[in-house]
Amino acid sequence: MSHDRDQDHDEHQALAVTLGLLLLIGGVLLVSCWAGPFTAFAAGAGPILAAYLGPRLARRLAVHRAVRRLRRSLRDA
């Protein structure tokens, strides 16, 4: 019974990824026709890079902010 649910979940996830890629490719092709290839590359690569680098950058900024607060608190004490 759980095997069927897992398989259904995997199929739904694969369908979602496929549809997302098709939408991304279609959007890039439309932007390429309207605004040129460099803009299309930026429009296509931008969201992918943001999704990949976003969490890493947010974590790095949070650590930097925490270290800065710690240094201030040690300096003021």
PDB file of N, CA and C in Angstrom:
ATOM      1  N   MET A   1       0.814  -1.195   0.000  1.00  0.00           N
ATOM      2  CA  MET A   1       0.000   0.000   0.000  1.00  0.00           C
ATOM      3  C   MET A   1       0.864   1.269   0.000  1.00  0.00           C
ATOM      4  N   SER A   2       1.890   1.294   0.872  1.00  0.00           N
ATOM      5  CA  SER A   2       2.750   2.476   0.908  1.00  0.00           C
ATOM      6  C   SER A   2       3.602   2.578  -0.346  1.00  0.00           C
ATOM      7  N   HIS A   3       3.887   1.436  -0.958  1.00  0.00           N
ATOM      8  CA  HIS A   3       4.665   1.437  -2.203  1.00  0.00           C
ATOM      9  C   HIS A   3       3.907   2.185  -3.291  1.00  0.00           C
ATOM     10  N   ASP A   4       2.600   1.997  -3.352  1.00  0.00           N
ATOM     11  CA  ASP A   4       1.779   2.697  -4.346  1.00  0.00           C
ATOM     12  C   ASP A   4       1.786   4.200  -4.101  1.00  0.00           C
ATOM     13  N   ARG A   5       1.721   4.582  -2.842  1.00  0.00           N
ATOM     14  CA  ARG A   5       1.748   6.022  -2.511  1.00  0.00           C
ATOM     15  C   ARG A   5       3.088   6.639  -2.883  1.00  0.00           C
ATOM     16  N   ASP A   6       4.165   5.915  -2.573  1.00  0.00           N
ATOM     17  CA  ASP A   6       5.494   6.414  -2.917  1.00  0.00           C
ATOM     18  C   ASP A   6       5.645   6.549  -4.427  1.00  0.00           C
ATOM     19  N   GLN A   7       5.137   5.558  -5.152  1.00  0.00           N
ATOM     20  CA  GLN A   7       5.239   5.603  -6.605  1.00  0.00           C
ATOM     21  C   GLN A   7       4.398   6.747  -7.162  1.00  0.00           C
ATOM     22  N   ASP A   8       3.212   6.963  -6.600  1.00  0.00           N
ATOM     23  CA  ASP A   8       2.371   8.080  -7.040  1.00  0.00           C
ATOM     24  C   ASP A   8       3.052   9.416  -6.753  1.00  0.00           C
ATOM     25  N   HIS A   9       3.662   9.513  -5.575  1.00  0.00           N
ATOM     26  CA  HIS A   9       4.361  10.746  -5.216  1.00  0.00           C
ATOM     27  C   HIS A   9       5.519  11.007  -6.179  1.00  0.00           C
ATOM     28  N   ASP A  10       6.279   9.969  -6.495  1.00  0.00           N
ATOM     29  CA  ASP A  10       7.400  10.105  -7.419  1.00  0.00           C
ATOM     30  C   ASP A  10       6.917  10.524  -8.811  1.00  0.00           C
ATOM     31  N   GLU A  11       5.797   9.949  -9.243  1.00  0.00           N
ATOM     32  CA  GLU A  11       5.255  10.309 -10.553  1.00  0.00           C
ATOM     33  C   GLU A  11       4.784  11.761 -10.572  1.00  0.00           C
ATOM     34  N   HIS A  12       4.128  12.192  -9.491  1.00  0.00           N
ATOM     35  CA  HIS A  12       3.673  13.580  -9.417  1.00  0.00           C
ATOM     36  C   HIS A  12       4.855  14.545  -9.383  1.00  0.00           C
ATOM     37  N   GLN A  13       5.892  14.162  -8.661  1.00  0.00           N
ATOM     38  CA  GLN A  13       7.084  15.010  -8.591  1.00  0.00           C
ATOM     39  C   GLN A  13       7.776  15.089  -9.949  1.00  0.00           C
ATOM     40  N   ALA A  14       7.860  13.981 -10.653  1.00  0.00           N
ATOM     41  CA  ALA A  14       8.466  13.983 -11.985  1.00  0.00           C
ATOM     42  C   ALA A  14       7.644  14.832 -12.947  1.00  0.00           C
ATOM     43  N   LEU A  15       6.319  14.744 -12.847  1.00  0.00           N
ATOM     44  CA  LEU A  15       5.457  15.569 -13.695  1.00  0.00           C
ATOM     45  C   LEU A  15       5.637  17.053 -13.380  1.00  0.00           C
ATOM     46  N   ALA A  16       5.747  17.394 -12.106  1.00  0.00           N
ATOM     47  CA  ALA A  16       5.940  18.792 -11.724  1.00  0.00           C
ATOM     48  C   ALA A  16       7.266  19.329 -12.257  1.00  0.00           C
ATOM     49  N   VAL A  17       8.317  18.538 -12.163  1.00  0.00           N
ATOM     50  CA  VAL A  17       9.621  18.969 -12.669  1.00  0.00           C
ATOM     51  C   VAL A  17       9.567  19.142 -14.186  1.00  0.00           C
ATOM     52  N   THR A  18       8.923  18.213 -14.866  1.00  0.00           N
ATOM     53  CA  THR A  18       8.810  18.290 -16.324  1.00  0.00           C
ATOM     54  C   THR A  18       8.038  19.534 -16.748  1.00  0.00           C
ATOM     55  N   LEU A  19       6.922  19.785 -16.098  1.00  0.00           N
ATOM     56  CA  LEU A  19       6.135  20.982 -16.435  1.00  0.00           C
ATOM     57  C   LEU A  19       6.910  22.261 -16.130  1.00  0.00           C
ATOM     58  N   GLY A  20       7.634  22.264 -15.019  1.00  0.00           N
ATOM     59  CA  GLY A  20       8.439  23.437 -14.686  1.00  0.00           C
ATOM     60  C   GLY A  20       9.515  23.701 -15.726  1.00  0.00           C
ATOM     61  N   LEU A  21      10.167  22.647 -16.165  1.00  0.00           N
ATOM     62  CA  LEU A  21      11.197  22.815 -17.196  1.00  0.00           C
ATOM     63  C   LEU A  21      10.595  23.280 -18.517  1.00  0.00           C
ATOM     64  N   LEU A  22       9.442  22.737 -18.879  1.00  0.00           N
ATOM     65  CA  LEU A  22       8.788  23.175 -20.114  1.00  0.00           C
ATOM     66  C   LEU A  22       8.390  24.647 -20.047  1.00  0.00           C
ATOM     67  N   LEU A  23       7.881  25.067 -18.897  1.00  0.00           N
ATOM     68  CA  LEU A  23       7.535  26.483 -18.733  1.00  0.00           C
ATOM     69  C   LEU A  23       8.776  27.363 -18.794  1.00  0.00           C
ATOM     70  N   LEU A  24       9.851  26.921 -18.169  1.00  0.00           N
ATOM     71  CA  LEU A  24      11.091  27.691 -18.203  1.00  0.00           C
ATOM     72  C   LEU A  24      11.624  27.803 -19.625  1.00  0.00           C
ATOM     73  N   ILE A  25      11.657  26.690 -20.341  1.00  0.00           N
ATOM     74  CA  ILE A  25      12.158  26.718 -21.714  1.00  0.00           C
ATOM     75  C   ILE A  25      11.268  27.580 -22.604  1.00  0.00           C
ATOM     76  N   GLY A  26       9.957  27.431 -22.460  1.00  0.00           N
ATOM     77  CA  GLY A  26       9.039  28.256 -23.246  1.00  0.00           C
ATOM     78  C   GLY A  26       9.197  29.733 -22.946  1.00  0.00           C
ATOM     79  N   GLY A  27       9.349  30.058 -21.671  1.00  0.00           N
ATOM     80  CA  GLY A  27       9.556  31.465 -21.294  1.00  0.00           C
ATOM     81  C   GLY A  27      10.843  32.022 -21.856  1.00  0.00           C
ATOM     82  N   VAL A  28      11.901  31.235 -21.817  1.00  0.00           N
ATOM     83  CA  VAL A  28      13.185  31.683 -22.359  1.00  0.00           C
ATOM     84  C   VAL A  28      13.086  31.891 -23.865  1.00  0.00           C
ATOM     85  N   LEU A  29      12.400  30.999 -24.557  1.00  0.00           N
ATOM     86  CA  LEU A  29      12.235  31.165 -26.004  1.00  0.00           C
ATOM     87  C   LEU A  29      11.440  32.421 -26.337  1.00  0.00           C
ATOM     88  N   LEU A  30      10.387  32.680 -25.577  1.00  0.00           N
ATOM     89  CA  LEU A  30       9.601  33.898 -25.822  1.00  0.00           C
ATOM     90  C   LEU A  30      10.415  35.162 -25.550  1.00  0.00           C
ATOM     91  N   VAL A  31      11.145  35.177 -24.444  1.00  0.00           N
ATOM     92  CA  VAL A  31      11.981  36.335 -24.127  1.00  0.00           C
ATOM     93  C   VAL A  31      13.063  36.501 -25.179  1.00  0.00           C
ATOM     94  N   SER A  32      13.606  35.406 -25.681  1.00  0.00           N
ATOM     95  CA  SER A  32      14.627  35.477 -26.717  1.00  0.00           C
ATOM     96  C   SER A  32      14.079  36.134 -27.978  1.00  0.00           C
ATOM     97  N   CYS A  33      12.860  35.803 -28.329  1.00  0.00           N
ATOM     98  CA  CYS A  33      12.244  36.426 -29.513  1.00  0.00           C
ATOM     99  C   CYS A  33      11.986  37.914 -29.287  1.00  0.00           C
ATOM    100  N   TRP A  34      11.574  38.259 -28.080  1.00  0.00           N
ATOM    101  CA  TRP A  34      11.195  39.643 -27.792  1.00  0.00           C
ATOM    102  C   TRP A  34      12.387  40.540 -27.465  1.00  0.00           C
ATOM    103  N   ALA A  35      13.357  40.031 -26.723  1.00  0.00           N
ATOM    104  CA  ALA A  35      14.385  40.919 -26.182  1.00  0.00           C
ATOM    105  C   ALA A  35      15.811  40.518 -26.537  1.00  0.00           C
ATOM    106  N   GLY A  36      16.007  39.412 -27.189  1.00  0.00           N
ATOM    107  CA  GLY A  36      17.358  39.022 -27.571  1.00  0.00           C
ATOM    108  C   GLY A  36      17.909  37.903 -26.721  1.00  0.00           C
ATOM    109  N   PRO A  37      18.983  37.288 -27.193  1.00  0.00           N
ATOM    110  CA  PRO A  37      19.503  36.098 -26.523  1.00  0.00           C
ATOM    111  C   PRO A  37      20.149  36.360 -25.165  1.00  0.00           C
ATOM    112  N   PHE A  38      20.803  37.495 -24.984  1.00  0.00           N
ATOM    113  CA  PHE A  38      21.460  37.749 -23.700  1.00  0.00           C
ATOM    114  C   PHE A  38      20.441  37.970 -22.599  1.00  0.00           C
ATOM    115  N   THR A  39      19.384  38.699 -22.915  1.00  0.00           N
ATOM    116  CA  THR A  39      18.315  38.892 -21.940  1.00  0.00           C
ATOM    117  C   THR A  39      17.634  37.568 -21.638  1.00  0.00           C
ATOM    118  N   ALA A  40      17.443  36.745 -22.664  1.00  0.00           N
ATOM    119  CA  ALA A  40      16.816  35.442 -22.460  1.00  0.00           C
ATOM    120  C   ALA A  40      17.681  34.558 -21.560  1.00  0.00           C
ATOM    121  N   PHE A  41      18.990  34.600 -21.765  1.00  0.00           N
ATOM    122  CA  PHE A  41      19.873  33.806 -20.908  1.00  0.00           C
ATOM    123  C   PHE A  41      19.781  34.283 -19.462  1.00  0.00           C
ATOM    124  N   ALA A  42      19.786  35.589 -19.264  1.00  0.00           N
ATOM    125  CA  ALA A  42      19.687  36.130 -17.909  1.00  0.00           C
ATOM    126  C   ALA A  42      18.348  35.765 -17.276  1.00  0.00           C
ATOM    127  N   ALA A  43      17.276  35.834 -18.062  1.00  0.00           N
ATOM    128  CA  ALA A  43      15.951  35.505 -17.533  1.00  0.00           C
ATOM    129  C   ALA A  43      15.845  34.020 -17.205  1.00  0.00           C
ATOM    130  N   GLY A  44      16.514  33.179 -17.955  1.00  0.00           N
ATOM    131  CA  GLY A  44      16.465  31.745 -17.681  1.00  0.00           C
ATOM    132  C   GLY A  44      17.414  31.310 -16.590  1.00  0.00           C
ATOM    133  N   ALA A  45      18.599  31.861 -16.585  1.00  0.00           N
ATOM    134  CA  ALA A  45      19.608  31.451 -15.602  1.00  0.00           C
ATOM    135  C   ALA A  45      19.402  32.125 -14.250  1.00  0.00           C
ATOM    136  N   GLY A  46      18.803  33.294 -14.253  1.00  0.00           N
ATOM    137  CA  GLY A  46      18.606  34.030 -13.000  1.00  0.00           C
ATOM    138  C   GLY A  46      17.843  33.255 -11.939  1.00  0.00           C
ATOM    139  N   PRO A  47      16.645  32.765 -12.249  1.00  0.00           N
ATOM    140  CA  PRO A  47      15.899  32.006 -11.232  1.00  0.00           C
ATOM    141  C   PRO A  47      16.598  30.721 -10.799  1.00  0.00           C
ATOM    142  N   ILE A  48      17.288  30.073 -11.722  1.00  0.00           N
ATOM    143  CA  ILE A  48      17.992  28.846 -11.363  1.00  0.00           C
ATOM    144  C   ILE A  48      19.133  29.154 -10.407  1.00  0.00           C
ATOM    145  N   LEU A  49      19.910  30.187 -10.718  1.00  0.00           N
ATOM    146  CA  LEU A  49      21.005  30.573  -9.826  1.00  0.00           C
ATOM    147  C   LEU A  49      20.489  31.063  -8.490  1.00  0.00           C
ATOM    148  N   ALA A  50      19.382  31.809  -8.500  1.00  0.00           N
ATOM    149  CA  ALA A  50      18.813  32.300  -7.249  1.00  0.00           C
ATOM    150  C   ALA A  50      18.351  31.139  -6.365  1.00  0.00           C
ATOM    151  N   ALA A  51      17.737  30.138  -6.967  1.00  0.00           N
ATOM    152  CA  ALA A  51      17.288  28.987  -6.183  1.00  0.00           C
ATOM    153  C   ALA A  51      18.468  28.192  -5.645  1.00  0.00           C
ATOM    154  N   TYR A  52      19.546  28.130  -6.404  1.00  0.00           N
ATOM    155  CA  TYR A  52      20.719  27.366  -5.982  1.00  0.00           C
ATOM    156  C   TYR A  52      21.548  28.129  -4.946  1.00  0.00           C
ATOM    157  N   LEU A  53      21.763  29.413  -5.190  1.00  0.00           N
ATOM    158  CA  LEU A  53      22.642  30.198  -4.319  1.00  0.00           C
ATOM    159  C   LEU A  53      21.916  30.917  -3.191  1.00  0.00           C
ATOM    160  N   GLY A  54      20.614  31.074  -3.301  1.00  0.00           N
ATOM    161  CA  GLY A  54      19.853  31.826  -2.305  1.00  0.00           C
ATOM    162  C   GLY A  54      20.020  31.334  -0.878  1.00  0.00           C
ATOM    163  N   PRO A  55      19.747  30.061  -0.605  1.00  0.00           N
ATOM    164  CA  PRO A  55      19.890  29.571   0.774  1.00  0.00           C
ATOM    165  C   PRO A  55      21.319  29.691   1.299  1.00  0.00           C
ATOM    166  N   ARG A  56      22.290  29.437   0.444  1.00  0.00           N
ATOM    167  CA  ARG A  56      23.691  29.534   0.855  1.00  0.00           C
ATOM    168  C   ARG A  56      24.046  30.981   1.218  1.00  0.00           C
ATOM    169  N   LEU A  57      23.575  31.921   0.403  1.00  0.00           N
ATOM    170  CA  LEU A  57      23.844  33.328   0.669  1.00  0.00           C
ATOM    171  C   LEU A  57      23.136  33.803   1.932  1.00  0.00           C
ATOM    172  N   ALA A  58      21.894  33.382   2.122  1.00  0.00           N
ATOM    173  CA  ALA A  58      21.157  33.778   3.321  1.00  0.00           C
ATOM    174  C   ALA A  58      21.846  33.257   4.581  1.00  0.00           C
ATOM    175  N   ARG A  59      22.332  32.017   4.537  1.00  0.00           N
ATOM    176  CA  ARG A  59      23.027  31.448   5.684  1.00  0.00           C
ATOM    177  C   ARG A  59      24.316  32.212   5.965  1.00  0.00           C
ATOM    178  N   ARG A  60      25.036  32.549   4.913  1.00  0.00           N
ATOM    179  CA  ARG A  60      26.301  33.284   5.090  1.00  0.00           C
ATOM    180  C   ARG A  60      26.052  34.668   5.680  1.00  0.00           C
ATOM    181  N   LEU A  61      25.011  35.350   5.201  1.00  0.00           N
ATOM    182  CA  LEU A  61      24.683  36.667   5.749  1.00  0.00           C
ATOM    183  C   LEU A  61      24.253  36.573   7.207  1.00  0.00           C
ATOM    184  N   ALA A  62      23.511  35.541   7.559  1.00  0.00           N
ATOM    185  CA  ALA A  62      23.078  35.372   8.948  1.00  0.00           C
ATOM    186  C   ALA A  62      24.271  35.126   9.870  1.00  0.00           C
ATOM    187  N   VAL A  63      25.217  34.314   9.424  1.00  0.00           N
ATOM    188  CA  VAL A  63      26.414  34.062  10.234  1.00  0.00           C
ATOM    189  C   VAL A  63      27.232  35.340  10.369  1.00  0.00           C
ATOM    190  N   HIS A  64      27.365  36.079   9.280  1.00  0.00           N
ATOM    191  CA  HIS A  64      28.119  37.336   9.326  1.00  0.00           C
ATOM    192  C   HIS A  64      27.474  38.311  10.312  1.00  0.00           C
ATOM    193  N   ARG A  65      26.152  38.411  10.281  1.00  0.00           N
ATOM    194  CA  ARG A  65      25.445  39.308  11.188  1.00  0.00           C
ATOM    195  C   ARG A  65      25.616  38.868  12.641  1.00  0.00           C
ATOM    196  N   ALA A  66      25.552  37.561  12.901  1.00  0.00           N
ATOM    197  CA  ALA A  66      25.714  37.051  14.261  1.00  0.00           C
ATOM    198  C   ALA A  66      27.121  37.307  14.785  1.00  0.00           C
ATOM    199  N   VAL A  67      28.130  37.128  13.949  1.00  0.00           N
ATOM    200  CA  VAL A  67      29.511  37.387  14.365  1.00  0.00           C
ATOM    201  C   VAL A  67      29.696  38.871  14.656  1.00  0.00           C
ATOM    202  N   ARG A  68      29.130  39.727  13.828  1.00  0.00           N
ATOM    203  CA  ARG A  68      29.247  41.171  14.056  1.00  0.00           C
ATOM    204  C   ARG A  68      28.596  41.575  15.378  1.00  0.00           C
ATOM    205  N   ARG A  69      27.413  41.003  15.665  1.00  0.00           N
ATOM    206  CA  ARG A  69      26.750  41.308  16.944  1.00  0.00           C
ATOM    207  C   ARG A  69      27.573  40.800  18.118  1.00  0.00           C
ATOM    208  N   LEU A  70      28.167  39.621  17.977  1.00  0.00           N
ATOM    209  CA  LEU A  70      28.991  39.065  19.039  1.00  0.00           C
ATOM    210  C   LEU A  70      30.216  39.944  19.295  1.00  0.00           C
ATOM    211  N   ARG A  71      30.844  40.390  18.233  1.00  0.00           N
ATOM    212  CA  ARG A  71      32.014  41.272  18.387  1.00  0.00           C
ATOM    213  C   ARG A  71      31.632  42.581  19.078  1.00  0.00           C
ATOM    214  N   ARG A  72      30.490  43.137  18.697  1.00  0.00           N
ATOM    215  CA  ARG A  72      30.027  44.374  19.357  1.00  0.00           C
ATOM    216  C   ARG A  72      29.759  44.145  20.831  1.00  0.00           C
ATOM    217  N   SER A  73      29.105  43.020  21.145  1.00  0.00           N
ATOM    218  CA  SER A  73      28.788  42.762  22.549  1.00  0.00           C
ATOM    219  C   SER A  73      30.058  42.522  23.367  1.00  0.00           C
ATOM    220  N   LEU A  74      31.065  41.884  22.778  1.00  0.00           N
ATOM    221  CA  LEU A  74      32.329  41.671  23.488  1.00  0.00           C
ATOM    222  C   LEU A  74      33.102  42.960  23.649  1.00  0.00           C
ATOM    223  N   ARG A  75      33.023  43.825  22.641  1.00  0.00           N
ATOM    224  CA  ARG A  75      33.720  45.099  22.695  1.00  0.00           C
ATOM    225  C   ARG A  75      33.099  46.022  23.748  1.00  0.00           C
ATOM    226  N   ASP A  76      31.763  46.007  23.847  1.00  0.00           N
ATOM    227  CA  ASP A  76      31.064  46.883  24.787  1.00  0.00           C
ATOM    228  C   ASP A  76      31.138  46.378  26.222  1.00  0.00           C
ATOM    229  N   ALA A  77      31.420  45.109  26.419  1.00  0.00           N
ATOM    230  CA  ALA A  77      31.432  44.539  27.772  1.00  0.00           C
ATOM    231  C   ALA A  77      32.697  44.848  28.527  1.00  0.00           C
TER     232      ALA A  77
END
